[in-house]
Protein backbone atom coordinates (compact mmCIF):
# COMPACT_ATOMS: atom_id res chain seq x y z
CA MET A 1 46.48 31.30 28.08
CA VAL A 2 47.83 29.30 25.14
CA GLU A 3 48.49 26.16 27.21
CA ASN A 4 44.73 25.79 27.76
CA TYR A 5 44.17 24.87 24.12
CA THR A 6 44.30 21.36 22.68
CA GLU A 7 47.15 20.34 20.41
CA LEU A 8 46.86 21.30 16.78
CA GLY A 9 47.22 18.59 14.18
CA ILE A 10 47.16 18.26 10.40
CA TYR A 11 45.36 15.19 9.07
CA GLU A 12 45.40 13.59 5.62
CA ASP A 13 41.62 13.04 5.61
CA ILE A 14 38.59 13.35 7.91
CA VAL A 15 38.62 9.65 8.87
CA LYS A 16 41.99 10.12 10.61
CA VAL A 17 40.36 12.64 12.98
CA ILE A 18 38.12 9.93 14.52
CA GLY A 19 38.87 9.14 18.18
CA LYS A 20 41.17 10.75 20.74
CA THR A 21 38.19 12.45 22.42
CA PRO A 22 38.61 14.35 25.71
CA LEU A 23 37.69 13.36 29.26
CA VAL A 24 36.04 16.28 31.06
CA ARG A 25 35.55 16.55 34.85
CA LEU A 26 31.93 17.28 35.86
CA LYS A 27 32.70 19.38 38.95
CA LYS A 28 29.45 21.35 39.02
CA ILE A 29 27.41 18.13 38.76
CA GLU A 30 29.49 16.62 41.60
CA ARG A 31 28.75 19.65 43.78
CA TYR A 32 25.05 19.95 42.94
CA PHE A 33 24.32 16.28 43.67
CA SER A 34 26.85 16.02 46.56
CA ILE A 35 28.83 13.26 44.84
CA GLU A 36 31.94 12.29 46.80
CA SER A 37 33.72 10.76 43.80
CA GLU A 38 35.36 12.27 40.71
CA LEU A 39 33.12 12.16 37.63
CA TYR A 40 34.73 12.30 34.19
CA ALA A 41 32.73 12.35 30.94
CA LYS A 42 34.22 10.87 27.76
CA ILE A 43 32.83 13.40 25.30
CA GLU A 44 32.30 11.57 22.02
CA PHE A 45 30.70 14.45 20.10
CA PHE A 46 34.27 15.58 19.39
CA ASN A 47 34.35 12.91 16.67
CA PRO A 48 33.87 14.49 13.20
CA GLY A 49 30.40 12.93 12.75
CA GLY A 50 29.36 14.06 16.22
CA SER A 51 29.19 10.69 17.96
CA ILE A 52 30.97 7.59 19.25
CA LYS A 53 29.62 5.65 16.26
CA ASP A 54 32.26 7.18 13.96
CA ARG A 55 34.65 4.69 15.56
CA ILE A 56 32.66 1.63 14.52
CA GLY A 57 31.80 3.14 11.11
CA LYS A 58 35.52 3.27 10.38
CA TYR A 59 36.24 -0.21 11.76
CA MET A 60 33.30 -1.95 10.05
CA ILE A 61 34.14 -0.53 6.60
CA GLU A 62 37.87 -1.21 6.98
CA GLY A 63 37.04 -4.77 8.14
CA ALA A 64 34.71 -5.39 5.18
CA LYS A 65 37.38 -4.17 2.74
CA LYS A 66 39.98 -6.42 4.36
CA GLU A 67 37.67 -9.45 4.13
CA GLY A 68 36.64 -8.76 0.50
CA LYS A 69 32.98 -8.16 1.40
CA ILE A 70 32.87 -4.85 -0.48
CA THR A 71 34.42 -3.71 -3.71
CA GLU A 72 34.67 -0.45 -5.63
CA GLY A 73 31.21 1.03 -6.34
CA ALA A 74 29.58 -0.92 -3.49
CA VAL A 75 26.57 0.28 -1.50
CA ILE A 76 26.70 0.17 2.31
CA VAL A 77 23.19 -0.53 3.69
CA GLU A 78 22.54 -0.32 7.43
CA PRO A 79 19.61 -0.32 9.87
CA THR A 80 20.53 2.52 12.22
CA SER A 81 19.06 4.88 14.80
CA GLY A 82 21.08 7.60 13.14
CA ASN A 83 24.56 7.91 14.60
CA THR A 84 25.99 4.71 13.13
CA GLY A 85 24.65 5.90 9.79
CA VAL A 86 26.52 9.19 10.15
CA GLY A 87 29.75 7.34 11.03
CA LEU A 88 29.34 4.98 8.07
CA ALA A 89 28.27 7.80 5.70
CA LEU A 90 31.27 9.90 6.67
CA VAL A 91 33.76 7.06 6.07
CA ALA A 92 31.91 5.92 2.91
CA ALA A 93 31.94 9.47 1.48
CA ASP A 94 35.67 9.65 2.14
CA GLU A 95 36.29 6.26 0.50
CA GLY A 96 33.82 6.52 -2.42
CA TYR A 97 31.00 4.13 -1.41
CA LYS A 98 27.26 4.87 -1.67
CA THR A 99 25.02 4.51 1.42
CA VAL A 100 21.40 3.64 2.27
CA PHE A 101 20.06 3.74 5.83
CA THR A 102 16.82 2.38 7.25
CA MET A 103 15.59 4.20 10.32
CA PRO A 104 12.56 3.88 12.67
CA ASP A 105 10.17 6.83 12.38
CA LYS A 106 10.68 7.81 16.07
CA MET A 107 14.16 9.11 15.21
CA SER A 108 14.61 12.87 14.96
CA ILE A 109 14.33 14.59 11.57
CA GLU A 110 17.78 16.14 12.20
CA LYS A 111 19.36 12.69 11.96
CA GLU A 112 17.68 11.99 8.62
CA LEU A 113 18.71 15.36 7.15
CA LEU A 114 22.26 14.89 8.42
CA LEU A 115 22.57 11.52 6.64
CA GLU A 116 21.18 13.00 3.43
CA ALA A 117 23.66 15.89 3.72
CA LEU A 118 26.44 13.27 3.65
CA GLY A 119 25.04 11.84 0.40
CA ALA A 120 23.02 8.96 1.88
CA PHE A 121 19.53 7.72 1.05
CA VAL A 122 17.19 7.19 4.02
CA ILE A 123 14.16 4.88 4.33
CA ARG A 124 11.80 5.43 7.27
CA THR A 125 10.05 2.42 8.86
CA PRO A 126 7.47 1.99 11.67
CA THR A 127 8.92 1.93 15.22
CA ALA A 128 6.42 -0.35 16.95
CA VAL A 129 6.97 -3.55 14.94
CA ALA A 130 8.85 -6.76 15.80
CA PRO A 131 12.43 -7.07 14.45
CA SER A 132 11.32 -10.08 12.37
CA ASP A 133 8.47 -8.18 10.64
CA PRO A 134 9.14 -7.48 6.94
CA ASN A 135 8.67 -3.72 7.52
CA SER A 136 11.05 -3.48 10.50
CA TYR A 137 14.15 -1.41 9.87
CA TYR A 138 16.30 -4.54 10.11
CA LYS A 139 14.36 -6.41 7.41
CA VAL A 140 13.90 -3.39 5.12
CA ALA A 141 17.71 -3.05 4.98
CA GLU A 142 17.92 -6.69 3.86
CA ALA A 143 15.31 -6.05 1.16
CA VAL A 144 17.38 -3.16 -0.27
CA ARG A 145 20.55 -5.27 -0.21
CA ASN A 146 18.80 -8.18 -1.97
CA LEU A 147 17.50 -5.93 -4.75
CA ILE A 148 21.06 -4.66 -5.36
CA TRP A 149 22.48 -8.22 -5.25
CA LYS A 150 19.95 -9.19 -7.93
CA LYS A 151 21.62 -6.77 -10.38
CA LYS A 152 24.94 -8.71 -10.08
CA ARG A 153 26.89 -5.51 -10.77
CA PRO A 154 27.53 -2.09 -9.20
CA VAL A 155 24.44 0.16 -9.35
CA SER A 156 24.49 3.81 -10.36
CA ARG A 157 23.20 6.50 -8.01
CA GLU A 158 20.10 6.86 -10.18
CA GLU A 159 19.37 3.11 -10.02
CA LEU A 160 19.91 3.17 -6.28
CA LYS A 161 17.44 6.04 -5.92
CA GLU A 162 14.80 3.98 -7.81
CA ILE A 163 15.35 0.97 -5.50
CA VAL A 164 15.09 3.17 -2.40
CA ASN A 165 11.90 4.89 -3.57
CA TYR A 166 10.33 1.54 -4.46
CA VAL A 167 11.09 0.03 -1.04
CA GLN A 168 9.89 3.17 0.79
CA ARG A 169 6.59 2.88 -1.14
CA LEU A 170 6.20 -0.77 -0.08
CA VAL A 171 6.74 0.25 3.55
CA ASP A 172 4.41 3.28 3.43
CA GLU A 173 1.64 1.32 1.69
CA GLU A 174 2.14 -1.67 4.03
CA ARG A 175 2.67 -4.05 1.10
CA LEU A 176 4.13 -6.64 3.46
CA ASP A 177 3.69 -9.61 1.10
CA GLU A 178 5.83 -7.94 -1.55
CA LEU A 179 8.50 -7.13 1.04
CA ARG A 180 8.35 -10.71 2.27
CA SER A 181 8.83 -12.11 -1.23
CA ILE A 182 11.92 -9.89 -1.78
CA LEU A 183 13.33 -11.21 1.51
CA GLU A 184 12.53 -14.85 0.74
CA GLU A 185 13.80 -14.92 -2.84
CA GLU A 186 17.16 -16.64 -3.11
CA VAL A 187 19.78 -14.26 -4.51
CA GLU A 188 23.49 -14.74 -4.87
CA GLU A 189 25.66 -12.67 -2.54
CA THR A 190 27.85 -10.09 -4.29
CA PRO A 191 30.36 -7.49 -3.02
CA TYR A 192 28.17 -4.71 -4.51
CA ALA A 193 25.93 -4.34 -1.44
CA TYR A 194 26.85 -4.99 2.17
CA ILE A 195 25.08 -4.68 5.52
CA PRO A 196 27.76 -4.17 8.18
CA ASN A 197 25.02 -4.85 10.80
CA GLN A 198 26.39 -3.18 13.91
CA TYR A 199 24.36 -5.63 16.04
CA PHE A 200 26.30 -8.65 14.79
CA ASN A 201 29.60 -7.18 13.60
CA LYS A 202 32.73 -8.24 15.49
CA TYR A 203 34.44 -4.97 14.52
CA ASN A 204 31.94 -3.04 16.68
CA PRO A 205 33.32 -4.15 20.08
CA ILE A 206 36.85 -4.40 18.61
CA ALA A 207 36.74 -0.67 17.71
CA HIS A 208 36.06 0.19 21.36
CA TYR A 209 38.59 -2.33 22.70
CA GLU A 210 41.34 -0.91 20.48
CA THR A 211 40.47 2.81 20.66
CA THR A 212 37.91 4.07 23.22
CA ALA A 213 39.10 1.81 26.05
CA LYS A 214 42.79 2.40 25.32
CA GLU A 215 42.23 6.17 25.36
CA ILE A 216 40.38 6.00 28.71
CA TRP A 217 43.15 3.86 30.22
CA GLU A 218 45.85 6.28 29.03
CA GLN A 219 43.89 9.41 29.98
CA THR A 220 43.26 8.18 33.53
CA LYS A 221 46.76 6.61 33.76
CA GLY A 222 44.95 3.43 34.82
CA GLU A 223 43.30 5.20 37.75
CA ILE A 224 39.70 4.30 37.00
CA ASP A 225 37.36 2.48 39.38
CA TYR A 226 33.97 2.63 37.61
CA LEU A 227 32.82 2.88 34.02
CA PHE A 228 29.19 3.76 33.21
CA ALA A 229 27.79 3.40 29.69
CA GLY A 230 24.39 3.05 28.07
CA ILE A 231 23.86 -0.28 26.30
CA GLY A 232 22.61 -0.11 22.70
CA THR A 233 24.29 -2.68 20.46
CA GLY A 234 26.47 -3.35 23.50
CA GLY A 235 29.65 -2.86 21.48
CA THR A 236 30.83 0.11 23.56
CA ILE A 237 30.41 -1.45 27.00
CA THR A 238 31.70 -4.86 25.81
CA GLY A 239 34.84 -3.55 24.10
CA ILE A 240 35.71 -1.09 26.87
CA GLY A 241 34.73 -3.53 29.64
CA ARG A 242 36.91 -6.31 28.24
CA TYR A 243 39.97 -4.06 27.87
CA LEU A 244 39.67 -2.52 31.35
CA LYS A 245 38.97 -5.81 33.15
CA GLU A 246 42.07 -7.38 31.57
CA ARG A 247 44.09 -4.71 33.38
CA LYS A 248 42.28 -3.99 36.63
CA ASP A 249 39.13 -4.81 38.58
CA VAL A 250 37.12 -1.92 37.17
CA LYS A 251 33.38 -2.04 37.87
CA ILE A 252 31.45 -1.89 34.59
CA ILE A 253 27.89 -0.58 35.02
CA GLY A 254 25.37 -0.53 32.18
CA VAL A 255 22.52 1.96 31.85
CA ASP A 256 19.29 0.68 30.31
CA PRO A 257 16.05 2.52 29.50
CA VAL A 258 12.70 1.33 30.90
CA GLY A 259 11.20 -0.80 28.10
CA SER A 260 14.48 -2.45 27.08
CA ILE A 261 15.40 -6.09 27.77
CA TYR A 262 19.03 -5.88 28.96
CA ASN A 263 18.30 -5.39 32.66
CA LEU A 264 15.75 -8.26 32.58
CA VAL A 265 18.14 -10.67 30.83
CA LYS A 266 20.97 -9.69 33.22
CA LYS A 267 18.68 -10.55 36.17
CA GLY A 268 18.20 -14.05 34.72
CA MET A 269 14.94 -13.73 32.80
CA SER A 270 14.79 -15.83 29.62
CA LEU A 271 15.18 -13.91 26.37
CA GLU A 272 11.72 -15.06 25.25
CA GLU A 273 10.08 -13.68 28.42
CA ALA A 274 12.11 -10.45 28.36
CA VAL A 275 11.12 -9.72 24.74
CA LYS A 276 7.43 -10.02 25.72
CA LYS A 277 7.97 -7.30 28.35
CA ALA A 278 9.78 -4.93 25.94
CA HIS A 279 7.88 -1.78 25.02
CA PRO A 280 8.67 1.45 23.14
CA TYR A 281 10.50 4.35 24.82
CA LEU A 282 11.68 7.70 23.46
CA VAL A 283 15.34 7.99 24.45
CA GLU A 284 17.36 7.21 21.32
CA GLY A 285 20.38 4.98 20.75
CA ILE A 286 20.26 2.80 23.88
CA GLY A 287 18.22 -0.24 24.93
CA GLU A 288 17.08 -3.14 22.74
CA ASP A 289 14.23 -5.56 22.09
CA LEU A 290 16.68 -8.22 20.84
CA LEU A 291 20.01 -9.59 22.10
CA PRO A 292 22.83 -8.57 19.72
CA GLU A 293 25.93 -10.73 19.23
CA THR A 294 28.02 -7.63 20.00
CA VAL A 295 27.10 -7.58 23.69
CA ASP A 296 28.70 -9.71 26.41
CA LEU A 297 26.65 -9.15 29.57
CA SER A 298 29.09 -11.25 31.63
CA LEU A 299 31.47 -8.24 31.48
CA VAL A 300 28.75 -5.99 32.95
CA ASP A 301 28.72 -6.00 36.76
CA ASP A 302 25.37 -4.31 37.18
CA ILE A 303 22.67 -2.46 35.24
CA VAL A 304 20.80 0.70 36.29
CA VAL A 305 17.39 1.39 34.78
CA VAL A 306 16.44 4.97 33.84
CA ASN A 307 13.16 6.24 32.37
CA ASP A 308 12.69 8.78 29.56
CA GLN A 309 11.72 11.60 31.92
CA GLU A 310 14.84 11.15 34.07
CA ALA A 311 17.10 10.92 31.00
CA PHE A 312 15.65 14.05 29.36
CA ALA A 313 15.68 16.16 32.53
CA MET A 314 19.34 15.30 33.18
CA THR A 315 20.31 15.99 29.54
CA ARG A 316 18.77 19.48 29.69
CA PHE A 317 20.14 20.22 33.17
CA LEU A 318 23.67 19.18 32.13
CA ALA A 319 23.67 21.68 29.25
CA ARG A 320 22.77 24.54 31.58
CA LYS A 321 25.02 23.44 34.46
CA GLU A 322 28.20 22.39 32.64
CA GLY A 323 27.73 23.87 29.16
CA ILE A 324 27.90 20.36 27.70
CA LEU A 325 25.21 19.81 25.05
CA VAL A 326 24.65 16.06 24.62
CA GLY A 327 21.88 13.67 23.60
CA GLY A 328 19.39 11.76 25.75
CA SER A 329 21.55 8.63 26.05
CA SER A 330 24.23 10.77 27.79
CA GLY A 331 21.60 12.18 30.16
CA ALA A 332 20.45 8.62 30.88
CA ALA A 333 24.06 7.53 31.55
CA LEU A 334 24.66 10.46 33.92
CA TYR A 335 21.35 9.96 35.75
CA GLY A 336 22.12 6.24 36.09
CA THR A 337 25.62 7.01 37.38
CA ILE A 338 24.42 9.38 40.12
CA LYS A 339 21.56 7.06 41.09
CA TYR A 340 23.95 4.08 41.38
CA LEU A 341 26.68 5.96 43.29
CA LYS A 342 24.12 7.31 45.77
CA GLU A 343 22.22 4.05 46.29
CA ASN A 344 25.45 2.08 46.77
CA GLU A 345 27.15 4.80 48.85
CA VAL A 346 30.19 4.85 46.55
CA LYS A 347 32.76 7.44 47.68
CA GLY A 348 36.33 8.42 46.81
CA LYS A 349 36.35 6.71 43.40
CA LYS A 350 37.28 7.77 39.86
CA VAL A 351 34.30 7.33 37.58
CA VAL A 352 34.20 7.58 33.78
CA ILE A 353 30.87 8.02 31.97
CA ILE A 354 30.43 7.64 28.22
CA PHE A 355 28.58 10.56 26.56
CA PRO A 356 27.87 9.12 23.09
CA ASP A 357 26.62 12.06 21.03
CA THR A 358 25.83 15.74 20.61
CA GLY A 359 22.59 17.40 21.70
CA ARG A 360 22.34 19.20 18.36
CA ASN A 361 20.51 16.15 17.00
CA TYR A 362 17.70 16.69 19.53
CA LEU A 363 16.97 20.42 19.53
CA THR A 364 13.42 19.84 18.23
CA LYS A 365 12.79 17.13 20.82
CA ILE A 366 14.57 16.98 24.20
CA PHE A 367 15.42 20.71 24.19
CA ASN A 368 11.98 21.73 22.94
CA ASN A 369 9.44 22.30 25.76
CA LYS A 370 6.52 22.02 23.34
CA TRP A 371 7.59 18.52 22.27
CA LEU A 372 8.13 17.45 25.89
CA LEU A 373 4.68 18.69 26.96
CA GLU A 374 3.00 17.06 23.94
CA ASN A 375 4.57 13.74 24.98
CA GLY A 376 3.50 14.08 28.61
CA PHE A 377 6.85 15.08 30.12
CA GLU A 378 7.61 17.56 32.91
CA THR A 379 9.69 20.56 31.75
CA ASP A 380 10.89 21.61 35.23
CA ASP A 381 14.16 19.66 35.19
CA GLU A 382 15.26 20.57 38.73
CA LYS A 383 11.94 19.24 40.04
CA VAL A 384 12.46 15.89 38.26
CA LEU A 385 16.05 15.65 39.56
CA GLU A 386 15.17 16.63 43.15
CA GLY A 387 15.04 12.96 44.18
CA LEU A 388 18.73 12.48 43.33
CA ARG A 389 20.00 15.24 45.61
C-alpha cells in the first residue's frame, strides 16, 4: 500500500514547495469519449497557492530582486484575474513584501477573499472596459503604483490602506478624470512599488521553460506527442512550447475561449480588427483582448475555440468522472483536447493537458446550478457533452 504514496519531503519554506506537480492519466475520460490516445493531465492545483501561477509569482519576484526593481518594504502591485495574485501574495508574504491587486468584477468572490487572507489589498474594477481606460484593472494598478512612487519612501500598511481605499472610491464613483490625472502626472520611479505585469514580464515564460516544461519532459521520459494548454498571458504555452520543440516535434495546441482574440490573430487577422471582435466571456484566466509580450504564437501549431457552456460542462463532468476538481480553464482545455483529437482523427499518441487551477475557487459559480441557470447555461452536463462522444 505504502508505495502508492508520493515521496515525503521537508522544505525550508513554502516557496520551495512550488512546482513538481503530478501528471495523472485520465482513463475514465478516454473510455467515455472513446479516445484512442493516452491523456495525461498536469495537475497544477498541487502548488501551495492552488494554481500554476505560483511558478511565475516566484520567478517574477526573484527576478525583480535580482534586477534591483524592489527593495525591502516594497509593495507589489498587479492586475490579476486572481491566481497570479495568489502566487505573488504567497511569495511576498514569505519574503516580507506588501501586495495590492486589481481585479475585474467578474472574478469570483473566493479569489478576492483568498488574496485578502494572504494579507493583500484588493481593488475591484469594471470588466467591460477597454484596457486603455483609466478604470481598467491594468490602469488602476498603475495609479496605485504612481501614488506610492510619489511618497519617495516605503509606505506603512496603514498608508497603503488609505491609498487603496482612495483609488477604489475613484473607480466606484467613476471619477475617471482624477484617475487620468494620477496616470498622467510624471513621477520618479522608485523601488518601493513595482508592477511585475505578468503580460509583459520575461520571467513568466521563463518560469514555464525552466520548470513546468522540464517536469513534463522528465515525467513522460520525452514520450510526448501533443501538448494542450489554454492561452491567458501566453506564458505557459510559450515557455513549455519552446522547451519541448527544442527537443522534439511536439504539437502545441492552444485553447481559446469564444470572445478572445488569439484564435483570430493566429488565423492572420490584424490585431486592430481582432480587438474589435473581442467580447466578454465568463470562463476565467484564459483568453485576452490584447496581445501580451509573453506570448509567441509562432510556437503554437493550432488553436481550438471553446465556449463557456462547453468549458463549464466539462469542468463539472470531470469532477464527477475522475474525482479531479479543477477550474473552468481546465474544463476548456480538456474539451478543446477531445474536440481536436476527434476532429483530426488523432490516435495512438501521448497527450499532456495543462490543468491550471483548483475548482475550489468556483464553487459559487461553475459548480452552482443556480448561478449557471441565472446566466443562461444548461446544467445537464452529459447533454452538453453528447456531441463529443
